[in-house]
Structures are given as C-alpha cells and as structure tokens.
Amino acid sequence: MQQREKSLCVLVLAAGKGTRMHSKTPKVLQKMLEEPILSYPLSAVQSAGFKDIAVMVGFEGKSVEQFIKNNFPCVNVLWQKEQLGTGHAAKIAQSWWEKFDNVMIITGDTPLITAATLSNFAKTHIESSNQCDFLSFELDDPAGYGRVIRDGMSIRIVEEKDATQDERKCKEVNSGMYIFSTSALASVIDKIGCGNKQKEYYLPDALDLIEKNGGAVGAIKAVDAFEFAGINDPIQLADATAVMRDRILSKWMRGGVRCVDPLSVWIGPNVQLSTDVMLEPSVQLWGRTTVGSGSKIGSFSVLRNAKIGNDTNIIGSVRINDSSVGNNCSVGPFVFMRNNAGLADGALVGRYVEIKNSTISEGSKVPHLSYVGDATVGKNTNLGAGTITCNYDGTKKNKTTIGNNCLVGSDTMFVAPVNIGDDAMTGAGSVITEDIPSGALGVGRARQRNIDGWKTLMEKKKNPKGGNK
C-alpha cells in the first residue's frame, strides 16, 4: 500500500510591535524596496509550493490583516490579542494547525529567507523520524540570538537573556524557524511555562519537552546566514535591503539586463524585465513595472507601476507612475506621466511635459513644455510647445478630444470640454473654447494692436511737469 503523503501547514508569526523601529507602523509592514517586509517570507512560502498558510497578527493587526487580504487572499489570518511570546502564539493557533500532520513555524520579519531553503527544510523533516527540526546557522557575533546548545544527542535552545556566560560563547544560533509534528507539539504546548526574565512563553522550550517525552529533535545547520537576518531596527532594515537589492539585480543581469553602474540601480521584487534592457546609472524601478526587450531607461528615471514596451527610449529624468508606454517610443527628458496616462506605439513626449489620465495615440508627438490632462490625442498629431488642456473648471475635470493628423500651434490652450476634429489646426497663441470641425483652422486670440509712441507716453506719465530725469 502506498504511504499517504504527510500534510504540512505554515504558520508565520507577525504579531510583534517592533519597538526598536520607533514607528507607528508595525514592523512587518515596514517597507523594503517599497514592499512590506511580510510580503517577502509569504512570497517565499508560496513559491516553495505550500498552500496551507496562516499569519498570526497582533500589534496594529487590522492594517496587517488588510494587507494580507489585498495581496495574499488565500492566506488565513489568526489573532494574538496579547503578545506573550512565540509559544503563546503557537498555542493560540493550535485549533488551526492540529488538522495537519506537521506545522512549519517561521517569523514574518525575515525577508531574506528563500523558497529553496524552506522547501529543503520541509523535505528533510518529512524524510526524518524527528518530532521537531529547526534551522540553525553560525555567526561570528551571535549577540541577540538564542544559542543552540548541543549536549551529546540532546539539543536545546537557550535565549540570550537566560544564557550563562559559557552558553553565550556558542556561535551556533537558532533561526526561529521550526517544523513540528503536530501530535508532538500538541502534547507539550500546554506545558510551556513563562519562568524566564521576560515572563513570556518561548516556543523553543517545546524542544526540551519533546525530548523529555522521548521524541527526537534535529538542528539543520544552514550555510547562508544572511537568509535569517531579522529586522529589529532601521539599520538592520537597511542592511537587509542592500542584500535583497543585490540579489534582484544579479538575477536580472544574469538574464541579459545590462547596468552601467549596478550599485546605483534599484529594482523592486515585483518588477519584470525582458532581455536586452539597458539601465543607466541611478535608475529606480518599483511596484509592478515591466520593461520590454531592447528598451533603455535613462539616468535618474523613476518608474512605478509602469508598463514599457519594446525598443523604447526613456531618455532620462523621467517619472512614470501607473501609466504605460508602447513600443518604439521616445520619452524625456524631464517628463512626468501619471494617473493612467498612455502612449501608443511610436509616440514621442519631449522636454518638460506632464501627461495625466490621457492617451497619446500612435505616432503623435508632444515635443516640449506642455500639459495634457484628461485628454485623448489621435494618431499622427503634433502638439506645439506650450500646449495646455485646461481640464479643471473648479468643480470637475473635463475632457479634451483631439483628432488624427492635427497640428496644434504653440501656446494653444484648450478650455475643456472641447472636441477637435481630424486634420484640424490651431493658430499659435489661441485659447480654444469651442469645437473645431475636421479640416478647419481654429484661431482664438485678440487682434494685434500697435500703439505708436507708447514709450514717450509712459515717460510723460512718470514726469508730468517735464523736469529733469
């Protein structure tokens, strides 16, 4: 008879406040590469193939719960109203994890843990006969970590605050990541006490209790200590961020992305890059930005939730938020696109231009010094320098529609709502307040008037008695 595969669930502990962060934001929601710390271990758990996942929340739990619901909807949320330690958290979650054969318990403030490590951890435990396994690693300076004390076949974890001077010399430390046989954990969970300096219920105490019941406990020593770096203060957050930045950048460069100065480039974990992309110095790519093959992102550009097509040139000093750029486009320098702005294939947007909630169609150009808001611009249309869509009337935003093959004269202001037909033109300096039919020229400006002798007239007004200057 084929043996039934043992089930395994994952409990992520994320109830702590993070006092040393000195922030109103809970520690697990502090940002690392513009994503909450908690998103990293959750992504690793899901990438490792685990499907039964719960997060224990506590401090500012409603905001943590909302983040989980919005970004990891299949993850369960459990509550630890009073934070009395990791053992207490495991006890609260018992009604959830006791339905499985094994439970992996990890911390939510270890963003560098990888899916490969978690997958191997689970595989090693399932193949062993141990009632508990935990991940350990060595540090030259183990201060702050629980020490792994090996005594013959026995293994125990001693928290630093409760360790003796000799025990504190031990360099092998506990990662805070465990896999328990749920039957073994259930048999000892009520026996964990709080007779320590912190008056908390420590989950590592379960290991000693399991051994006393005759169960086997194993410590699996990991090679890469960086994976277990916890976040307790802003310095540790910055250190972990630098490690993650290098990981992400190395992955993309191995896949064909080129960076002139890798140390100055920042790429978020959810960014997607194609091959043959060039990133110049001081580029930042955040959120769910995507960049197509053959495109170039110029220096000092910051893209957030941007979609960039193939063979497009983002010249430099460009900001693109929640907007898209098609194939074979040219954008910049000093361009700001936001609020669902979109450029179709072959469009050009040049110097000192802002585009907001507008579509610039195929082959059209907004070369310089313009604001296009709440507008649709047709194909092969050229907007002259200083073009402005006056979209706000003090109450609501109004729409401007400009057709195909139009030529808009410099310094034209469109007072929305207004519609410009195909093949239409405007005279430079016009204020357009009415629709322009297809093929027509719209001119909306006062007739020029020259006043002779204006300078002499002004001088007489300044000195009416004709005295010396």
Protein backbone atom coordinates (compact mmCIF):
# COMPACT_ATOMS: atom_id res chain seq x y z
CA MET A 1 0.00 0.00 0.00
CA GLN A 2 1.33 3.43 -0.94
CA GLN A 3 2.08 5.57 2.10
CA ARG A 4 -0.03 8.70 2.45
CA GLU A 5 1.91 11.91 1.92
CA LYS A 6 2.19 13.82 5.16
CA SER A 7 0.45 17.18 5.13
CA LEU A 8 2.25 20.33 6.22
CA CYS A 9 0.96 23.81 7.03
CA VAL A 10 2.92 27.02 7.58
CA LEU A 11 2.35 29.48 10.42
CA VAL A 12 4.00 32.90 10.05
CA LEU A 13 4.42 34.86 13.28
CA ALA A 14 3.80 38.57 12.66
CA ALA A 15 2.20 39.92 15.83
CA GLY A 16 5.12 41.91 17.25
CA LYS A 17 5.33 45.68 17.52
CA GLY A 18 8.98 46.20 16.64
CA THR A 19 9.74 48.72 19.38
CA ARG A 20 13.23 49.49 18.11
CA MET A 21 11.85 50.61 14.76
CA HIS A 22 10.45 53.69 16.59
CA SER A 23 7.48 53.77 14.25
CA LYS A 24 3.71 53.67 14.42
CA THR A 25 3.79 51.19 11.55
CA PRO A 26 4.05 47.55 12.67
CA LYS A 27 7.41 46.01 11.95
CA VAL A 28 6.16 43.55 9.34
CA LEU A 29 4.67 46.41 7.30
CA GLN A 30 7.86 48.45 7.23
CA LYS A 31 8.92 48.87 3.60
CA MET A 32 11.86 47.10 1.99
CA LEU A 33 12.32 48.04 -1.67
CA GLU A 34 8.87 49.64 -1.39
CA GLU A 35 7.22 46.35 -0.35
CA PRO A 36 6.25 45.40 3.23
CA ILE A 37 8.72 43.09 4.98
CA LEU A 38 5.97 40.50 5.45
CA SER A 39 5.48 40.13 1.70
CA TYR A 40 8.91 38.51 1.31
CA PRO A 41 8.53 35.43 3.58
CA LEU A 42 4.95 34.97 2.37
CA SER A 43 6.12 35.03 -1.25
CA ALA A 44 8.89 32.56 -0.39
CA VAL A 45 6.42 30.20 1.30
CA GLN A 46 4.08 30.30 -1.69
CA SER A 47 6.95 29.89 -4.17
CA ALA A 48 8.06 26.81 -2.22
CA GLY A 49 4.68 25.28 -3.02
CA PHE A 50 2.99 25.47 0.38
CA LYS A 51 -0.72 26.21 0.16
CA ASP A 52 -1.99 25.98 3.76
CA ILE A 53 -0.66 29.20 5.28
CA ALA A 54 -1.72 31.34 8.24
CA VAL A 55 -0.31 34.56 9.65
CA MET A 56 -0.53 35.40 13.34
CA VAL A 57 -1.20 39.15 13.71
CA GLY A 58 -1.34 41.31 16.81
CA PHE A 59 0.04 44.86 17.04
CA GLU A 60 -1.87 47.06 14.56
CA GLY A 61 -3.34 43.79 13.37
CA LYS A 62 -6.13 45.33 11.33
CA SER A 63 -3.66 47.00 8.97
CA VAL A 64 -1.64 43.79 8.70
CA GLU A 65 -4.81 41.81 8.05
CA GLN A 66 -5.89 44.26 5.34
CA PHE A 67 -2.51 43.95 3.63
CA ILE A 68 -2.80 40.16 3.64
CA LYS A 69 -6.35 40.21 2.28
CA ASN A 70 -5.34 42.58 -0.53
CA ASN A 71 -2.15 40.81 -1.56
CA PHE A 72 -2.33 37.21 -0.30
CA PRO A 73 -6.06 36.43 -0.29
CA CYS A 74 -5.56 32.67 0.19
CA VAL A 75 -3.65 33.16 3.46
CA ASN A 76 -5.52 32.74 6.76
CA VAL A 77 -5.31 35.41 9.46
CA LEU A 78 -5.14 34.47 13.15
CA TRP A 79 -5.10 36.87 16.08
CA GLN A 80 -2.83 37.16 19.11
CA LYS A 81 -4.51 39.95 21.02
CA GLU A 82 -1.91 39.95 23.79
CA GLN A 83 1.71 39.33 22.79
CA LEU A 84 3.05 36.85 25.35
CA GLY A 85 5.71 35.15 23.27
CA THR A 86 6.11 32.67 20.43
CA GLY A 87 4.89 29.73 22.50
CA HIS A 88 1.73 31.64 23.30
CA ALA A 89 1.21 32.38 19.59
CA ALA A 90 1.60 28.69 18.70
CA LYS A 91 -0.93 27.76 21.38
CA ILE A 92 -3.50 30.23 20.04
CA ALA A 93 -3.09 28.75 16.55
CA GLN A 94 -3.49 25.14 17.73
CA SER A 95 -7.06 24.74 16.52
CA TRP A 96 -5.80 25.58 13.03
CA TRP A 97 -2.53 23.58 12.81
CA GLU A 98 -3.68 20.44 14.62
CA LYS A 99 -5.63 19.43 11.47
CA PHE A 100 -2.31 18.78 9.70
CA ASP A 101 0.49 16.24 10.23
CA ASN A 102 3.23 18.87 10.51
CA VAL A 103 3.44 22.60 11.06
CA MET A 104 6.26 24.86 9.92
CA ILE A 105 6.56 27.97 12.08
CA ILE A 106 8.58 30.91 10.77
CA THR A 107 8.87 34.60 11.58
CA GLY A 108 7.44 37.40 9.47
CA ASP A 109 10.45 39.69 9.91
CA THR A 110 12.98 37.55 7.99
CA PRO A 111 12.57 38.83 4.42
CA LEU A 112 15.73 37.19 3.04
CA ILE A 113 14.59 33.59 3.52
CA THR A 114 14.36 31.78 0.19
CA ALA A 115 11.84 29.32 -1.20
CA ALA A 116 14.65 26.81 -1.83
CA THR A 117 15.67 26.81 1.84
CA LEU A 118 12.09 26.35 3.04
CA SER A 119 11.42 23.60 0.53
CA ASN A 120 14.58 21.70 1.54
CA PHE A 121 13.75 22.24 5.21
CA ALA A 122 10.35 20.60 4.79
CA LYS A 123 11.77 17.74 2.71
CA THR A 124 14.48 16.99 5.28
CA HIS A 125 11.98 16.95 8.14
CA ILE A 126 9.47 14.71 6.35
CA GLU A 127 12.24 12.22 5.50
CA SER A 128 13.50 12.14 9.08
CA SER A 129 11.87 10.49 12.06
CA ASN A 130 12.21 13.61 14.17
CA GLN A 131 9.29 15.12 16.03
CA CYS A 132 10.87 18.54 15.57
CA ASP A 133 13.54 20.06 13.34
CA PHE A 134 14.74 23.63 13.31
CA LEU A 135 17.10 25.68 11.18
CA SER A 136 20.31 26.96 12.75
CA PHE A 137 23.30 28.90 11.48
CA GLU A 138 26.61 30.27 12.75
CA LEU A 139 27.55 33.88 13.41
CA ASP A 140 30.87 35.40 14.42
CA ASP A 141 28.88 37.77 16.62
CA PRO A 142 25.80 35.88 17.88
CA ALA A 143 24.59 38.66 20.18
CA GLY A 144 20.81 38.83 20.40
CA TYR A 145 20.17 35.27 19.21
CA GLY A 146 19.15 32.15 21.10
CA ARG A 147 22.12 29.76 21.35
CA VAL A 148 21.95 26.18 20.12
CA ILE A 149 23.43 24.05 22.87
CA ARG A 150 24.39 20.53 21.83
CA ASP A 151 24.90 18.01 24.64
CA GLY A 152 25.58 14.62 23.11
CA MET A 153 22.40 13.59 21.30
CA SER A 154 20.41 16.28 23.09
CA ILE A 155 19.80 19.71 21.55
CA ARG A 156 18.33 22.70 23.32
CA ILE A 157 17.92 26.41 22.62
CA VAL A 158 18.74 28.98 25.27
CA GLU A 159 17.59 32.56 24.80
CA GLU A 160 20.41 35.07 25.24
CA LYS A 161 18.77 36.76 28.22
CA ASP A 162 18.65 33.41 30.03
CA ALA A 163 22.02 32.04 28.83
CA THR A 164 25.08 31.63 31.03
CA GLN A 165 28.40 33.24 30.11
CA ASP A 166 29.67 29.95 28.66
CA GLU A 167 26.47 29.41 26.69
CA ARG A 168 26.74 32.89 25.20
CA LYS A 169 30.10 31.95 23.67
CA CYS A 170 28.34 29.47 21.39
CA LYS A 171 28.26 30.72 17.78
CA GLU A 172 25.54 28.38 16.52
CA VAL A 173 22.22 30.17 16.87
CA ASN A 174 18.56 29.49 16.38
CA SER A 175 16.89 30.89 13.26
CA GLY A 176 13.44 30.88 14.87
CA MET A 177 12.14 28.55 12.14
CA TYR A 178 10.77 25.15 13.17
CA ILE A 179 8.85 22.19 11.83
CA PHE A 180 6.93 20.18 14.41
CA SER A 181 4.99 17.00 14.21
CA THR A 182 1.64 18.44 15.26
CA SER A 183 0.93 15.48 17.55
CA ALA A 184 4.24 16.07 19.34
CA LEU A 185 3.65 19.82 19.62
CA ALA A 186 0.12 19.32 20.86
CA SER A 187 1.38 17.02 23.63
CA VAL A 188 3.69 19.70 25.09
CA ILE A 189 2.17 23.05 24.12
CA ASP A 190 0.29 23.40 27.42
CA LYS A 191 3.42 22.61 29.41
CA ILE A 192 5.45 25.58 28.15
CA GLY A 193 5.96 27.92 31.08
CA CYS A 194 6.89 31.58 31.46
CA GLY A 195 9.52 31.29 34.17
CA ASN A 196 12.03 33.49 32.40
CA LYS A 197 13.17 37.08 32.69
CA GLN A 198 10.68 38.25 30.06
CA LYS A 199 7.76 36.31 31.59
CA GLU A 200 6.93 35.06 28.11
CA TYR A 201 6.11 31.64 26.67
CA TYR A 202 9.04 30.64 24.46
CA LEU A 203 8.40 28.18 21.63
CA PRO A 204 11.98 26.80 21.85
CA ASP A 205 11.04 25.36 25.27
CA ALA A 206 8.87 22.89 23.37
CA LEU A 207 12.01 21.19 22.06
CA ASP A 208 13.22 20.22 25.54
CA LEU A 209 9.75 18.99 26.46
CA ILE A 210 9.53 16.87 23.30
CA GLU A 211 12.91 15.27 24.08
CA LYS A 212 11.79 14.51 27.64
CA ASN A 213 8.79 12.71 26.12
CA GLY A 214 11.19 10.56 24.11
CA GLY A 215 10.87 12.47 20.85
CA ALA A 216 13.80 13.28 18.57
CA VAL A 217 14.82 16.87 17.80
CA GLY A 218 17.17 17.83 14.99
CA ALA A 219 19.04 21.03 14.11
CA ILE A 220 19.62 21.58 10.40
CA LYS A 221 22.55 23.95 10.01
CA ALA A 222 22.13 26.32 7.06
CA VAL A 223 25.04 27.70 5.05
CA ASP A 224 23.85 31.23 4.26
CA ALA A 225 23.38 33.16 7.48
CA PHE A 226 22.06 36.16 5.53
CA GLU A 227 18.78 34.32 4.91
CA PHE A 228 17.91 34.51 8.59
CA ALA A 229 18.71 38.17 9.18
CA GLY A 230 15.89 39.54 11.29
CA ILE A 231 14.68 43.13 11.16
CA ASN A 232 14.65 44.83 14.53
CA ASP A 233 15.80 48.39 13.81
CA PRO A 234 16.31 50.73 10.83
CA ILE A 235 19.97 49.74 10.49
CA GLN A 236 19.11 46.06 10.09
CA LEU A 237 16.37 47.03 7.65
CA ALA A 238 18.88 48.95 5.52
CA ASP A 239 21.36 46.06 5.63
CA ALA A 240 18.72 43.53 4.55
CA THR A 241 17.51 45.88 1.83
CA ALA A 242 21.02 46.07 0.37
CA VAL A 243 21.28 42.28 0.28
CA MET A 244 17.89 41.91 -1.40
CA ARG A 245 18.74 44.67 -3.90
CA ASP A 246 21.90 42.80 -4.94
CA ARG A 247 20.01 39.51 -5.25
CA ILE A 248 17.37 41.02 -7.50
CA LEU A 249 19.86 42.90 -9.66
CA SER A 250 22.09 39.84 -10.06
CA LYS A 251 19.11 37.77 -11.19
CA TRP A 252 18.19 40.23 -13.93
CA MET A 253 21.76 40.80 -15.09
CA ARG A 254 22.27 37.05 -15.46
CA GLY A 255 19.17 37.11 -17.66
CA GLY A 256 20.58 39.71 -20.05
CA VAL A 257 19.78 43.09 -18.43
CA ARG A 258 22.71 45.50 -18.67
CA CYS A 259 23.58 48.06 -15.99
CA VAL A 260 26.19 50.75 -16.46
CA ASP A 261 26.53 51.22 -12.69
CA PRO A 262 24.81 48.39 -10.77
CA LEU A 263 25.47 49.98 -7.37
CA SER A 264 23.21 52.92 -8.22
CA VAL A 265 20.28 50.93 -9.66
CA TRP A 266 17.30 49.87 -7.54
CA ILE A 267 14.73 47.29 -8.67
CA GLY A 268 11.71 46.17 -6.65
CA PRO A 269 10.86 42.48 -6.16
CA ASN A 270 7.76 42.57 -8.39
CA VAL A 271 9.40 44.28 -11.38
CA GLN A 272 9.63 42.24 -14.59
CA LEU A 273 12.38 42.90 -17.17
CA SER A 274 12.88 41.38 -20.60
CA THR A 275 16.21 40.56 -22.20
CA ASP A 276 18.41 43.20 -23.80
CA VAL A 277 17.24 46.00 -21.49
CA MET A 278 19.71 48.78 -20.68
CA LEU A 279 19.55 50.54 -17.30
CA GLU A 280 21.68 53.65 -16.98
CA PRO A 281 23.02 54.87 -13.60
CA SER A 282 20.63 55.98 -10.87
CA VAL A 283 17.53 54.26 -12.24
CA GLN A 284 14.72 53.15 -9.90
CA LEU A 285 12.05 50.63 -10.91
CA TRP A 286 9.27 49.95 -8.40
CA GLY A 287 5.94 48.22 -7.94
CA ARG A 288 4.78 46.06 -10.85
CA THR A 289 6.79 47.85 -13.51
CA THR A 290 7.55 45.90 -16.68
CA VAL A 291 10.14 46.81 -19.33
CA GLY A 292 10.16 45.24 -22.80
CA SER A 293 13.06 43.89 -24.80
CA GLY A 294 15.50 46.37 -26.31
CA SER A 295 14.31 49.31 -24.21
CA LYS A 296 16.58 51.75 -22.45
CA ILE A 297 15.86 53.53 -19.16
CA GLY A 298 17.90 56.70 -18.79
CA SER A 299 19.60 58.04 -15.69
CA PHE A 300 17.58 59.49 -12.81
CA SER A 301 14.33 57.96 -14.08
CA VAL A 302 11.88 56.58 -11.52
CA LEU A 303 9.20 54.21 -12.78
CA ARG A 304 6.44 52.94 -10.51
CA ASN A 305 3.79 50.51 -11.77
CA ALA A 306 4.80 51.46 -15.31
CA LYS A 307 4.49 49.32 -18.41
CA ILE A 308 7.19 49.99 -21.01
CA GLY A 309 7.08 48.33 -24.44
CA ASN A 310 9.86 47.06 -26.66
CA ASP A 311 12.63 49.23 -28.16
CA THR A 312 11.51 52.33 -26.29
CA ASN A 313 13.90 55.02 -25.10
CA ILE A 314 13.22 56.62 -21.72
CA ILE A 315 15.82 59.33 -22.16
CA GLY A 316 16.36 60.35 -18.54
CA SER A 317 14.99 62.23 -15.53
CA VAL A 318 11.55 60.79 -16.25
CA ARG A 319 8.80 59.93 -13.73
CA ILE A 320 6.17 57.42 -14.78
CA ASN A 321 3.50 56.36 -12.26
CA ASP A 322 0.69 53.92 -13.00
CA SER A 323 0.99 54.53 -16.75
CA SER A 324 2.06 52.79 -19.94
CA VAL A 325 4.37 53.45 -22.87
CA GLY A 326 4.16 51.45 -26.11
CA ASN A 327 6.80 50.12 -28.47
CA ASN A 328 9.36 52.34 -30.26
CA CYS A 329 8.52 55.42 -28.20
CA SER A 330 10.75 58.24 -27.02
CA VAL A 331 10.11 59.85 -23.63
CA GLY A 332 12.04 62.61 -21.91
CA PRO A 333 13.98 64.20 -20.56
CA PHE A 334 12.02 65.76 -17.68
CA VAL A 335 8.67 64.10 -18.35
CA PHE A 336 6.03 63.20 -15.76
CA MET A 337 3.36 60.65 -16.68
CA ARG A 338 0.74 59.71 -14.08
CA ASN A 339 -2.78 58.50 -13.37
CA ASN A 340 -3.23 56.01 -16.18
CA ALA A 341 -1.53 58.02 -18.90
CA GLY A 342 -0.77 56.02 -22.02
CA LEU A 343 1.46 56.38 -25.07
CA ALA A 344 0.74 54.20 -28.10
CA ASP A 345 3.46 52.79 -30.37
CA GLY A 346 5.78 55.33 -31.94
CA ALA A 347 4.66 58.26 -29.78
CA LEU A 348 7.08 60.95 -28.67
CA VAL A 349 6.94 63.02 -25.48
CA GLY A 350 9.75 65.51 -25.03
CA ARG A 351 11.18 68.01 -22.62
CA TYR A 352 9.20 69.35 -19.66
CA VAL A 353 5.89 67.66 -20.41
CA GLU A 354 3.29 66.34 -17.98
CA ILE A 355 0.66 63.83 -19.10
CA LYS A 356 -2.12 62.84 -16.74
CA ASN A 357 -5.00 60.42 -17.39
CA SER A 358 -4.60 60.88 -21.13
CA THR A 359 -3.95 58.79 -24.22
CA ILE A 360 -1.45 59.85 -26.87
CA SER A 361 -2.14 57.73 -29.93
CA GLU A 362 0.18 56.11 -32.44
CA GLY A 363 2.82 58.34 -33.98
CA SER A 364 1.72 61.51 -32.17
CA LYS A 365 4.11 64.00 -30.60
CA VAL A 366 4.10 66.25 -27.56
CA PRO A 367 7.61 67.65 -28.00
CA HIS A 368 8.01 70.13 -25.14
CA LEU A 369 6.64 72.43 -22.44
CA SER A 370 3.07 71.09 -22.41
CA TYR A 371 0.42 69.80 -20.02
CA VAL A 372 -2.04 67.20 -21.32
CA GLY A 373 -4.64 66.21 -18.76
CA ASP A 374 -7.85 64.18 -19.19
CA ALA A 375 -7.43 64.15 -22.95
CA THR A 376 -7.36 61.85 -25.94
CA VAL A 377 -4.97 62.73 -28.76
CA GLY A 378 -5.44 60.93 -32.09
CA LYS A 379 -2.86 59.44 -34.43
CA ASN A 380 -0.03 61.41 -36.05
CA THR A 381 -0.97 64.63 -34.30
CA ASN A 382 1.59 67.21 -33.22
CA LEU A 383 1.06 69.42 -30.17
CA GLY A 384 3.20 72.55 -30.34
CA ALA A 385 5.25 73.91 -27.44
CA GLY A 386 3.21 75.26 -24.57
CA THR A 387 0.01 73.34 -25.37
CA ILE A 388 -2.26 73.09 -22.32
CA THR A 389 -5.55 71.29 -21.81
CA CYS A 390 -7.42 73.38 -19.27
CA ASN A 391 -9.29 70.44 -17.79
CA TYR A 392 -10.47 71.72 -14.38
CA ASP A 393 -13.35 74.18 -14.09
CA GLY A 394 -13.20 74.44 -10.31
CA THR A 395 -15.72 71.65 -9.78
CA LYS A 396 -14.85 68.74 -12.04
CA LYS A 397 -12.33 67.52 -14.59
CA ASN A 398 -13.40 67.89 -18.23
CA LYS A 399 -12.33 66.02 -21.34
CA THR A 400 -10.43 67.28 -24.37
CA THR A 401 -10.51 65.21 -27.57
CA ILE A 402 -8.08 65.97 -30.38
CA GLY A 403 -8.39 64.02 -33.63
CA ASN A 404 -5.95 62.41 -36.05
CA ASN A 405 -3.39 64.31 -38.14
CA CYS A 406 -3.91 67.59 -36.29
CA LEU A 407 -1.36 70.40 -35.99
CA VAL A 408 -1.70 72.37 -32.79
CA GLY A 409 0.06 75.72 -32.79
CA SER A 410 2.40 76.68 -29.98
CA ASP A 411 0.89 78.13 -26.83
CA THR A 412 -2.61 76.82 -27.55
CA MET A 413 -4.95 76.40 -24.59
CA PHE A 414 -7.92 74.05 -24.93
CA VAL A 415 -10.65 75.01 -22.44
CA ALA A 416 -12.38 71.68 -21.84
CA PRO A 417 -14.77 70.19 -22.65
CA VAL A 418 -13.83 70.65 -26.28
CA ASN A 419 -13.54 68.43 -29.38
CA ILE A 420 -11.09 68.93 -32.22
CA GLY A 421 -11.82 67.09 -35.47
CA ASP A 422 -9.35 65.21 -37.69
CA ASP A 423 -6.91 67.24 -39.82
CA ALA A 424 -7.68 70.39 -37.83
CA MET A 425 -5.21 73.13 -36.92
CA THR A 426 -4.99 75.88 -34.33
CA GLY A 427 -3.21 79.20 -34.61
CA ALA A 428 -0.35 79.79 -32.21
CA GLY A 429 -1.40 81.53 -29.02
CA SER A 430 -5.05 80.53 -29.34
CA VAL A 431 -7.49 79.94 -26.50
CA ILE A 432 -9.90 77.35 -27.89
CA THR A 433 -13.28 77.36 -26.14
CA GLU A 434 -15.40 75.82 -28.88
CA ASP A 435 -15.20 72.66 -31.00
CA ILE A 436 -13.15 72.81 -34.23
CA PRO A 437 -14.60 70.84 -37.17
CA SER A 438 -12.45 68.41 -39.13
CA GLY A 439 -10.09 70.14 -41.56
CA ALA A 440 -10.70 73.60 -40.05
CA LEU A 441 -8.32 76.16 -38.55
CA GLY A 442 -9.23 77.38 -35.08
CA VAL A 443 -7.96 80.79 -34.02
CA GLY A 444 -8.97 82.18 -30.67
CA ARG A 445 -6.91 85.26 -29.89
CA ALA A 446 -7.34 89.04 -29.80
CA ARG A 447 -6.38 91.07 -32.88
CA GLN A 448 -2.92 92.62 -32.51
CA ARG A 449 -2.89 96.36 -31.97
CA ASN A 450 0.25 98.54 -32.08
CA ILE A 451 0.20 101.86 -30.20
CA ASP A 452 2.73 104.32 -31.63
CA GLY A 453 4.72 106.45 -29.20
CA TRP A 454 3.96 104.20 -26.19
CA LYS A 455 7.37 104.72 -24.59
CA THR A 456 7.12 108.56 -24.78
CA LEU A 457 3.59 108.43 -23.35
CA MET A 458 4.75 106.37 -20.36
CA GLU A 459 7.65 108.74 -19.68
CA LYS A 460 5.27 111.74 -19.62
CA LYS A 461 3.02 109.97 -17.11
CA LYS A 462 6.02 109.39 -14.84
CA ASN A 463 7.21 113.02 -15.09
CA PRO A 464 4.17 115.21 -15.98
CA LYS A 465 5.97 118.57 -15.24
CA GLY A 466 8.80 117.82 -17.67
CA GLY A 467 11.53 118.18 -15.06
CA ASN A 468 14.99 116.75 -15.27
CA LYS A 469 15.26 113.00 -15.13
